mmCIF file of all heavy atoms, coordinates in Angstrom:
data_MODEL
# 
_entry.id   MODEL 
# 
loop_
_atom_site.group_PDB 
_atom_site.id 
_atom_site.type_symbol 
_atom_site.label_atom_id 
_atom_site.label_alt_id 
_atom_site.label_comp_id 
_atom_site.label_asym_id 
_atom_site.label_entity_id 
_atom_site.label_seq_id 
_atom_site.pdbx_PDB_ins_code 
_atom_site.Cartn_x 
_atom_site.Cartn_y 
_atom_site.Cartn_z 
_atom_site.occupancy 
_atom_site.B_iso_or_equiv 
_atom_site.pdbx_formal_charge 
_atom_site.auth_seq_id 
_atom_site.auth_comp_id 
_atom_site.auth_asym_id 
_atom_site.auth_atom_id 
_atom_site.pdbx_PDB_model_num 
ATOM 1   N N   . THR A 1 1  ? 0.843  -1.184 0.065   1.00 0.00 ? 1  THR A N   1 
ATOM 2   C CA  . THR A 1 1  ? 0.058  -0.033 -0.023  1.00 0.00 ? 1  THR A CA  1 
ATOM 3   C C   . THR A 1 1  ? 0.968  1.191  -0.050  1.00 0.00 ? 1  THR A C   1 
ATOM 4   O O   . THR A 1 1  ? 1.907  1.337  0.809   1.00 0.00 ? 1  THR A O   1 
ATOM 5   C CB  . THR A 1 1  ? -0.917 0.008  1.307   1.00 0.00 ? 1  THR A CB  1 
ATOM 6   O OG1 . THR A 1 1  ? -1.852 -1.114 1.162   1.00 0.00 ? 1  THR A OG1 1 
ATOM 7   C CG2 . THR A 1 1  ? -1.698 1.245  1.322   1.00 0.00 ? 1  THR A CG2 1 
ATOM 8   N N   . MET A 1 2  ? 0.555  2.236  -0.745  1.00 0.00 ? 2  MET A N   1 
ATOM 9   C CA  . MET A 1 2  ? 1.188  3.546  -0.841  1.00 0.00 ? 2  MET A CA  1 
ATOM 10  C C   . MET A 1 2  ? 0.342  4.602  -0.301  1.00 0.00 ? 2  MET A C   1 
ATOM 11  O O   . MET A 1 2  ? -0.807 4.756  -0.830  1.00 0.00 ? 2  MET A O   1 
ATOM 12  C CB  . MET A 1 2  ? 1.710  3.810  -2.292  1.00 0.00 ? 2  MET A CB  1 
ATOM 13  C CG  . MET A 1 2  ? 2.416  5.021  -2.543  1.00 0.00 ? 2  MET A CG  1 
ATOM 14  S SD  . MET A 1 2  ? 2.874  5.314  -4.200  1.00 0.00 ? 2  MET A SD  1 
ATOM 15  C CE  . MET A 1 2  ? 3.928  6.787  -4.067  1.00 0.00 ? 2  MET A CE  1 
ATOM 16  N N   . ASN A 1 3  ? 0.758  5.438  0.509   1.00 0.00 ? 3  ASN A N   1 
ATOM 17  C CA  . ASN A 1 3  ? 0.013  6.595  1.023   1.00 0.00 ? 3  ASN A CA  1 
ATOM 18  C C   . ASN A 1 3  ? 0.428  7.831  0.328   1.00 0.00 ? 3  ASN A C   1 
ATOM 19  O O   . ASN A 1 3  ? 1.617  8.086  0.149   1.00 0.00 ? 3  ASN A O   1 
ATOM 20  C CB  . ASN A 1 3  ? 0.247  6.762  2.434   1.00 0.00 ? 3  ASN A CB  1 
ATOM 21  C CG  . ASN A 1 3  ? -0.328 5.590  3.276   1.00 0.00 ? 3  ASN A CG  1 
ATOM 22  O OD1 . ASN A 1 3  ? 0.360  4.680  3.749   1.00 0.00 ? 3  ASN A OD1 1 
ATOM 23  N ND2 . ASN A 1 3  ? -1.584 5.393  3.348   1.00 0.00 ? 3  ASN A ND2 1 
ATOM 24  N N   . CYS A 1 4  ? -0.514 8.726  -0.159  1.00 0.00 ? 4  CYS A N   1 
ATOM 25  C CA  . CYS A 1 4  ? -0.257 9.801  -0.932  1.00 0.00 ? 4  CYS A CA  1 
ATOM 26  C C   . CYS A 1 4  ? -1.288 10.898 -0.625  1.00 0.00 ? 4  CYS A C   1 
ATOM 27  O O   . CYS A 1 4  ? -2.545 10.539 -0.523  1.00 0.00 ? 4  CYS A O   1 
ATOM 28  C CB  . CYS A 1 4  ? -0.136 9.472  -2.389  1.00 0.00 ? 4  CYS A CB  1 
ATOM 29  S SG  . CYS A 1 4  ? 0.038  10.883 -3.567  1.00 0.00 ? 4  CYS A SG  1 
ATOM 30  N N   . PRO A 1 5  ? -0.954 12.242 -0.620  1.00 0.00 ? 5  PRO A N   1 
ATOM 31  C CA  . PRO A 1 5  ? -1.939 13.191 -0.496  1.00 0.00 ? 5  PRO A CA  1 
ATOM 32  C C   . PRO A 1 5  ? -2.494 13.545 -1.907  1.00 0.00 ? 5  PRO A C   1 
ATOM 33  O O   . PRO A 1 5  ? -1.859 13.297 -2.883  1.00 0.00 ? 5  PRO A O   1 
ATOM 34  C CB  . PRO A 1 5  ? -1.148 14.430 0.128   1.00 0.00 ? 5  PRO A CB  1 
ATOM 35  C CG  . PRO A 1 5  ? 0.222  14.113 -0.444  1.00 0.00 ? 5  PRO A CG  1 
ATOM 36  C CD  . PRO A 1 5  ? 0.444  12.797 -0.507  1.00 0.00 ? 5  PRO A CD  1 
ATOM 37  N N   . ASN A 1 6  ? -3.669 14.193 -1.942  1.00 0.00 ? 6  ASN A N   1 
ATOM 38  C CA  . ASN A 1 6  ? -4.158 14.524 -3.200  1.00 0.00 ? 6  ASN A CA  1 
ATOM 39  C C   . ASN A 1 6  ? -4.528 16.014 -3.280  1.00 0.00 ? 6  ASN A C   1 
ATOM 40  O O   . ASN A 1 6  ? -5.108 16.523 -4.224  1.00 0.00 ? 6  ASN A O   1 
ATOM 41  C CB  . ASN A 1 6  ? -5.484 13.719 -3.592  1.00 0.00 ? 6  ASN A CB  1 
ATOM 42  C CG  . ASN A 1 6  ? -6.569 13.863 -2.543  1.00 0.00 ? 6  ASN A CG  1 
ATOM 43  O OD1 . ASN A 1 6  ? -6.582 14.771 -1.694  1.00 0.00 ? 6  ASN A OD1 1 
ATOM 44  N ND2 . ASN A 1 6  ? -7.609 12.981 -2.543  1.00 0.00 ? 6  ASN A ND2 1 
ATOM 45  N N   . ASP A 1 7  ? -4.020 16.771 -2.224  1.00 0.00 ? 7  ASP A N   1 
ATOM 46  C CA  . ASP A 1 7  ? -4.245 18.125 -2.099  1.00 0.00 ? 7  ASP A CA  1 
ATOM 47  C C   . ASP A 1 7  ? -3.208 19.004 -1.500  1.00 0.00 ? 7  ASP A C   1 
ATOM 48  O O   . ASP A 1 7  ? -3.418 19.935 -0.910  1.00 0.00 ? 7  ASP A O   1 
ATOM 49  C CB  . ASP A 1 7  ? -5.611 18.489 -1.459  1.00 0.00 ? 7  ASP A CB  1 
ATOM 50  C CG  . ASP A 1 7  ? -5.705 17.910 -0.037  1.00 0.00 ? 7  ASP A CG  1 
ATOM 51  O OD1 . ASP A 1 7  ? -4.695 17.286 0.446   1.00 0.00 ? 7  ASP A OD1 1 
ATOM 52  O OD2 . ASP A 1 7  ? -6.818 18.128 0.660   1.00 0.00 ? 7  ASP A OD2 1 
ATOM 53  N N   . ARG A 1 8  ? -1.991 18.491 -1.639  1.00 0.00 ? 8  ARG A N   1 
ATOM 54  C CA  . ARG A 1 8  ? -0.874 19.094 -0.966  1.00 0.00 ? 8  ARG A CA  1 
ATOM 55  C C   . ARG A 1 8  ? 0.245  19.622 -1.912  1.00 0.00 ? 8  ARG A C   1 
ATOM 56  O O   . ARG A 1 8  ? 0.623  20.723 -1.871  1.00 0.00 ? 8  ARG A O   1 
ATOM 57  C CB  . ARG A 1 8  ? -0.248 18.098 0.074   1.00 0.00 ? 8  ARG A CB  1 
ATOM 58  C CG  . ARG A 1 8  ? 1.008  18.813 0.829   1.00 0.00 ? 8  ARG A CG  1 
ATOM 59  C CD  . ARG A 1 8  ? 0.593  20.111 1.492   1.00 0.00 ? 8  ARG A CD  1 
ATOM 60  N NE  . ARG A 1 8  ? 1.715  20.917 1.872   1.00 0.00 ? 8  ARG A NE  1 
ATOM 61  C CZ  . ARG A 1 8  ? 2.106  21.899 1.108   1.00 0.00 ? 8  ARG A CZ  1 
ATOM 62  N NH1 . ARG A 1 8  ? 1.559  22.219 0.033   1.00 0.00 ? 8  ARG A NH1 1 
ATOM 63  N NH2 . ARG A 1 8  ? 3.249  22.663 1.633   1.00 0.00 ? 8  ARG A NH2 1 
ATOM 64  N N   . TYR A 1 9  ? 0.747  18.717 -2.691  1.00 0.00 ? 9  TYR A N   1 
ATOM 65  C CA  . TYR A 1 9  ? 1.880  19.063 -3.637  1.00 0.00 ? 9  TYR A CA  1 
ATOM 66  C C   . TYR A 1 9  ? 1.254  19.144 -5.040  1.00 0.00 ? 9  TYR A C   1 
ATOM 67  O O   . TYR A 1 9  ? 0.122  18.705 -5.356  1.00 0.00 ? 9  TYR A O   1 
ATOM 68  C CB  . TYR A 1 9  ? 2.935  18.035 -3.574  1.00 0.00 ? 9  TYR A CB  1 
ATOM 69  C CG  . TYR A 1 9  ? 3.362  17.705 -2.201  1.00 0.00 ? 9  TYR A CG  1 
ATOM 70  C CD1 . TYR A 1 9  ? 3.161  16.376 -1.595  1.00 0.00 ? 9  TYR A CD1 1 
ATOM 71  C CD2 . TYR A 1 9  ? 3.961  18.707 -1.405  1.00 0.00 ? 9  TYR A CD2 1 
ATOM 72  C CE1 . TYR A 1 9  ? 3.552  16.177 -0.330  1.00 0.00 ? 9  TYR A CE1 1 
ATOM 73  C CE2 . TYR A 1 9  ? 4.320  18.421 -0.106  1.00 0.00 ? 9  TYR A CE2 1 
ATOM 74  C CZ  . TYR A 1 9  ? 4.148  17.195 0.493   1.00 0.00 ? 9  TYR A CZ  1 
ATOM 75  O OH  . TYR A 1 9  ? 4.440  16.867 1.729   1.00 0.00 ? 9  TYR A OH  1 
ATOM 76  N N   . VAL A 1 10 ? 2.126  19.662 -5.962  1.00 0.00 ? 10 VAL A N   1 
ATOM 77  C CA  . VAL A 1 10 ? 1.601  19.924 -7.257  1.00 0.00 ? 10 VAL A CA  1 
ATOM 78  C C   . VAL A 1 10 ? 1.448  18.463 -7.987  1.00 0.00 ? 10 VAL A C   1 
ATOM 79  O O   . VAL A 1 10 ? 2.408  17.702 -8.022  1.00 0.00 ? 10 VAL A O   1 
ATOM 80  C CB  . VAL A 1 10 ? 2.642  20.734 -8.110  1.00 0.00 ? 10 VAL A CB  1 
ATOM 81  C CG1 . VAL A 1 10 ? 2.220  20.779 -9.585  1.00 0.00 ? 10 VAL A CG1 1 
ATOM 82  C CG2 . VAL A 1 10 ? 2.808  22.057 -7.639  1.00 0.00 ? 10 VAL A CG2 1 
ATOM 83  N N   . ASN A 1 11 ? 0.192  18.158 -8.342  1.00 0.00 ? 11 ASN A N   1 
ATOM 84  C CA  . ASN A 1 11 ? -0.168 16.998 -9.045  1.00 0.00 ? 11 ASN A CA  1 
ATOM 85  C C   . ASN A 1 11 ? 0.277  15.738 -8.194  1.00 0.00 ? 11 ASN A C   1 
ATOM 86  O O   . ASN A 1 11 ? 0.695  14.600 -8.694  1.00 0.00 ? 11 ASN A O   1 
ATOM 87  C CB  . ASN A 1 11 ? 0.456  16.854 -10.458 1.00 0.00 ? 11 ASN A CB  1 
ATOM 88  C CG  . ASN A 1 11 ? -0.206 17.822 -11.356 1.00 0.00 ? 11 ASN A CG  1 
ATOM 89  O OD1 . ASN A 1 11 ? -1.273 18.338 -11.260 1.00 0.00 ? 11 ASN A OD1 1 
ATOM 90  N ND2 . ASN A 1 11 ? 0.439  18.055 -12.556 1.00 0.00 ? 11 ASN A ND2 1 
ATOM 91  N N   . ASP A 1 12 ? 0.101  15.860 -6.924  1.00 0.00 ? 12 ASP A N   1 
ATOM 92  C CA  . ASP A 1 12 ? 0.666  14.696 -5.979  1.00 0.00 ? 12 ASP A CA  1 
ATOM 93  C C   . ASP A 1 12 ? -0.034 13.456 -6.370  1.00 0.00 ? 12 ASP A C   1 
ATOM 94  O O   . ASP A 1 12 ? 0.789  12.351 -6.459  1.00 0.00 ? 12 ASP A O   1 
ATOM 95  C CB  . ASP A 1 12 ? 0.401  15.117 -4.634  1.00 0.00 ? 12 ASP A CB  1 
ATOM 96  C CG  . ASP A 1 12 ? -0.915 15.783 -4.247  1.00 0.00 ? 12 ASP A CG  1 
ATOM 97  O OD1 . ASP A 1 12 ? -1.792 15.749 -5.060  1.00 0.00 ? 12 ASP A OD1 1 
ATOM 98  O OD2 . ASP A 1 12 ? -0.959 16.468 -3.121  1.00 0.00 ? 12 ASP A OD2 1 
ATOM 99  N N   . ALA A 1 13 ? -1.367 13.355 -6.398  1.00 0.00 ? 13 ALA A N   1 
ATOM 100 C CA  . ALA A 1 13 ? -2.034 12.084 -6.671  1.00 0.00 ? 13 ALA A CA  1 
ATOM 101 C C   . ALA A 1 13 ? -1.667 11.450 -8.074  1.00 0.00 ? 13 ALA A C   1 
ATOM 102 O O   . ALA A 1 13 ? -1.522 10.244 -8.195  1.00 0.00 ? 13 ALA A O   1 
ATOM 103 C CB  . ALA A 1 13 ? -3.483 12.234 -6.520  1.00 0.00 ? 13 ALA A CB  1 
ATOM 104 N N   . ALA A 1 14 ? -1.651 12.393 -9.040  1.00 0.00 ? 14 ALA A N   1 
ATOM 105 C CA  . ALA A 1 14 ? -1.203 11.886 -10.438 1.00 0.00 ? 14 ALA A CA  1 
ATOM 106 C C   . ALA A 1 14 ? 0.270  11.422 -10.403 1.00 0.00 ? 14 ALA A C   1 
ATOM 107 O O   . ALA A 1 14 ? 0.553  10.343 -11.095 1.00 0.00 ? 14 ALA A O   1 
ATOM 108 C CB  . ALA A 1 14 ? -1.298 13.140 -11.321 1.00 0.00 ? 14 ALA A CB  1 
ATOM 109 N N   . ILE A 1 15 ? 1.235  11.994 -9.576  1.00 0.00 ? 15 ILE A N   1 
ATOM 110 C CA  . ILE A 1 15 ? 2.499  11.422 -9.504  1.00 0.00 ? 15 ILE A CA  1 
ATOM 111 C C   . ILE A 1 15 ? 2.497  10.023 -8.953  1.00 0.00 ? 15 ILE A C   1 
ATOM 112 O O   . ILE A 1 15 ? 3.154  9.145  -9.323  1.00 0.00 ? 15 ILE A O   1 
ATOM 113 C CB  . ILE A 1 15 ? 3.323  12.370 -8.675  1.00 0.00 ? 15 ILE A CB  1 
ATOM 114 C CG1 . ILE A 1 15 ? 3.646  13.702 -9.369  1.00 0.00 ? 15 ILE A CG1 1 
ATOM 115 C CG2 . ILE A 1 15 ? 4.759  11.686 -8.308  1.00 0.00 ? 15 ILE A CG2 1 
ATOM 116 C CD1 . ILE A 1 15 ? 4.227  14.744 -8.437  1.00 0.00 ? 15 ILE A CD1 1 
ATOM 117 N N   . CYS A 1 16 ? 1.734  9.911  -7.841  1.00 0.00 ? 16 CYS A N   1 
ATOM 118 C CA  . CYS A 1 16 ? 1.663  8.597  -7.244  1.00 0.00 ? 16 CYS A CA  1 
ATOM 119 C C   . CYS A 1 16 ? 0.933  7.511  -8.152  1.00 0.00 ? 16 CYS A C   1 
ATOM 120 O O   . CYS A 1 16 ? 1.367  6.280  -8.144  1.00 0.00 ? 16 CYS A O   1 
ATOM 121 C CB  . CYS A 1 16 ? 0.920  8.619  -5.884  1.00 0.00 ? 16 CYS A CB  1 
ATOM 122 S SG  . CYS A 1 16 ? 1.727  9.548  -4.623  1.00 0.00 ? 16 CYS A SG  1 
ATOM 123 N N   . GLN A 1 17 ? -0.012 7.960  -8.961  1.00 0.00 ? 17 GLN A N   1 
ATOM 124 C CA  . GLN A 1 17 ? -0.541 7.026  -9.930  1.00 0.00 ? 17 GLN A CA  1 
ATOM 125 C C   . GLN A 1 17 ? 0.368  6.661  -11.023 1.00 0.00 ? 17 GLN A C   1 
ATOM 126 O O   . GLN A 1 17 ? 0.517  5.507  -11.389 1.00 0.00 ? 17 GLN A O   1 
ATOM 127 C CB  . GLN A 1 17 ? -1.770 7.764  -10.630 1.00 0.00 ? 17 GLN A CB  1 
ATOM 128 C CG  . GLN A 1 17 ? -3.009 7.925  -9.749  1.00 0.00 ? 17 GLN A CG  1 
ATOM 129 C CD  . GLN A 1 17 ? -4.004 8.827  -10.320 1.00 0.00 ? 17 GLN A CD  1 
ATOM 130 O OE1 . GLN A 1 17 ? -3.854 9.388  -11.375 1.00 0.00 ? 17 GLN A OE1 1 
ATOM 131 N NE2 . GLN A 1 17 ? -5.149 9.063  -9.564  1.00 0.00 ? 17 GLN A NE2 1 
ATOM 132 N N   . ALA A 1 18 ? 1.278  7.567  -11.411 1.00 0.00 ? 18 ALA A N   1 
ATOM 133 C CA  . ALA A 1 18 ? 2.365  7.187  -12.360 1.00 0.00 ? 18 ALA A CA  1 
ATOM 134 C C   . ALA A 1 18 ? 3.314  6.231  -11.790 1.00 0.00 ? 18 ALA A C   1 
ATOM 135 O O   . ALA A 1 18 ? 3.792  5.303  -12.496 1.00 0.00 ? 18 ALA A O   1 
ATOM 136 C CB  . ALA A 1 18 ? 2.984  8.447  -12.867 1.00 0.00 ? 18 ALA A CB  1 
ATOM 137 N N   . VAL A 1 19 ? 3.759  6.458  -10.568 1.00 0.00 ? 19 VAL A N   1 
ATOM 138 C CA  . VAL A 1 19 ? 4.662  5.673  -9.758  1.00 0.00 ? 19 VAL A CA  1 
ATOM 139 C C   . VAL A 1 19 ? 4.027  4.242  -9.667  1.00 0.00 ? 19 VAL A C   1 
ATOM 140 O O   . VAL A 1 19 ? 4.666  3.233  -9.917  1.00 0.00 ? 19 VAL A O   1 
ATOM 141 C CB  . VAL A 1 19 ? 4.992  6.161  -8.442  1.00 0.00 ? 19 VAL A CB  1 
ATOM 142 C CG1 . VAL A 1 19 ? 5.765  5.034  -7.652  1.00 0.00 ? 19 VAL A CG1 1 
ATOM 143 C CG2 . VAL A 1 19 ? 5.897  7.465  -8.533  1.00 0.00 ? 19 VAL A CG2 1 
ATOM 144 N N   . SER A 1 20 ? 2.768  4.131  -9.354  1.00 0.00 ? 20 SER A N   1 
ATOM 145 C CA  . SER A 1 20 ? 2.099  2.860  -9.195  1.00 0.00 ? 20 SER A CA  1 
ATOM 146 C C   . SER A 1 20 ? 2.099  2.152  -10.583 1.00 0.00 ? 20 SER A C   1 
ATOM 147 O O   . SER A 1 20 ? 2.293  0.957  -10.601 1.00 0.00 ? 20 SER A O   1 
ATOM 148 C CB  . SER A 1 20 ? 0.646  3.081  -8.807  1.00 0.00 ? 20 SER A CB  1 
ATOM 149 O OG  . SER A 1 20 ? 0.587  3.710  -7.493  1.00 0.00 ? 20 SER A OG  1 
ATOM 150 N N   . ALA A 1 21 ? 1.839  2.826  -11.621 1.00 0.00 ? 21 ALA A N   1 
ATOM 151 C CA  . ALA A 1 21 ? 1.901  2.210  -12.964 1.00 0.00 ? 21 ALA A CA  1 
ATOM 152 C C   . ALA A 1 21 ? 3.216  1.680  -13.334 1.00 0.00 ? 21 ALA A C   1 
ATOM 153 O O   . ALA A 1 21 ? 3.392  0.501  -13.962 1.00 0.00 ? 21 ALA A O   1 
ATOM 154 C CB  . ALA A 1 21 ? 1.353  3.199  -14.016 1.00 0.00 ? 21 ALA A CB  1 
ATOM 155 N N   . ASN A 1 22 ? 4.315  2.503  -13.032 1.00 0.00 ? 22 ASN A N   1 
ATOM 156 C CA  . ASN A 1 22 ? 5.659  2.103  -13.351 1.00 0.00 ? 22 ASN A CA  1 
ATOM 157 C C   . ASN A 1 22 ? 5.998  0.807  -12.603 1.00 0.00 ? 22 ASN A C   1 
ATOM 158 O O   . ASN A 1 22 ? 6.501  -0.153 -13.157 1.00 0.00 ? 22 ASN A O   1 
ATOM 159 C CB  . ASN A 1 22 ? 6.614  3.208  -12.785 1.00 0.00 ? 22 ASN A CB  1 
ATOM 160 C CG  . ASN A 1 22 ? 6.636  4.413  -13.701 1.00 0.00 ? 22 ASN A CG  1 
ATOM 161 O OD1 . ASN A 1 22 ? 7.108  5.404  -13.375 1.00 0.00 ? 22 ASN A OD1 1 
ATOM 162 N ND2 . ASN A 1 22 ? 6.045  4.225  -14.987 1.00 0.00 ? 22 ASN A ND2 1 
ATOM 163 N N   . LEU A 1 23 ? 5.614  0.755  -11.230 1.00 0.00 ? 23 LEU A N   1 
ATOM 164 C CA  . LEU A 1 23 ? 5.866  -0.426 -10.501 1.00 0.00 ? 23 LEU A CA  1 
ATOM 165 C C   . LEU A 1 23 ? 5.162  -1.574 -10.830 1.00 0.00 ? 23 LEU A C   1 
ATOM 166 O O   . LEU A 1 23 ? 5.571  -2.792 -10.802 1.00 0.00 ? 23 LEU A O   1 
ATOM 167 C CB  . LEU A 1 23 ? 5.603  -0.081 -8.977  1.00 0.00 ? 23 LEU A CB  1 
ATOM 168 C CG  . LEU A 1 23 ? 6.655  0.944  -8.264  1.00 0.00 ? 23 LEU A CG  1 
ATOM 169 C CD1 . LEU A 1 23 ? 6.137  1.256  -6.913  1.00 0.00 ? 23 LEU A CD1 1 
ATOM 170 C CD2 . LEU A 1 23 ? 8.017  0.235  -8.162  1.00 0.00 ? 23 LEU A CD2 1 
ATOM 171 N N   . ALA A 1 24 ? 3.884  -1.434 -11.422 1.00 0.00 ? 24 ALA A N   1 
ATOM 172 C CA  . ALA A 1 24 ? 3.137  -2.559 -11.946 1.00 0.00 ? 24 ALA A CA  1 
ATOM 173 C C   . ALA A 1 24 ? 3.795  -3.349 -13.029 1.00 0.00 ? 24 ALA A C   1 
ATOM 174 O O   . ALA A 1 24 ? 3.752  -4.523 -13.131 1.00 0.00 ? 24 ALA A O   1 
ATOM 175 C CB  . ALA A 1 24 ? 1.799  -2.103 -12.368 1.00 0.00 ? 24 ALA A CB  1 
ATOM 176 N N   . ARG A 1 25 ? 4.687  -2.593 -13.824 1.00 0.00 ? 25 ARG A N   1 
ATOM 177 C CA  . ARG A 1 25 ? 5.329  -3.118 -14.964 1.00 0.00 ? 25 ARG A CA  1 
ATOM 178 C C   . ARG A 1 25 ? 6.422  -4.135 -14.560 1.00 0.00 ? 25 ARG A C   1 
ATOM 179 O O   . ARG A 1 25 ? 6.983  -4.838 -15.381 1.00 0.00 ? 25 ARG A O   1 
ATOM 180 C CB  . ARG A 1 25 ? 5.835  -2.072 -15.855 1.00 0.00 ? 25 ARG A CB  1 
ATOM 181 C CG  . ARG A 1 25 ? 4.716  -1.253 -16.582 1.00 0.00 ? 25 ARG A CG  1 
ATOM 182 C CD  . ARG A 1 25 ? 5.296  -0.333 -17.595 1.00 0.00 ? 25 ARG A CD  1 
ATOM 183 N NE  . ARG A 1 25 ? 4.126  0.527  -18.157 1.00 0.00 ? 25 ARG A NE  1 
ATOM 184 C CZ  . ARG A 1 25 ? 3.965  1.676  -17.768 1.00 0.00 ? 25 ARG A CZ  1 
ATOM 185 N NH1 . ARG A 1 25 ? 4.695  2.345  -17.076 1.00 0.00 ? 25 ARG A NH1 1 
ATOM 186 N NH2 . ARG A 1 25 ? 2.932  2.440  -18.380 1.00 0.00 ? 25 ARG A NH2 1 
# 
């Protein structure tokens, strides 16, 4: 499980989604 804010940093949730997709590969 990865914890991430969605209203703190610039595009924080989108960054975590990209990281998740990278790791899935």
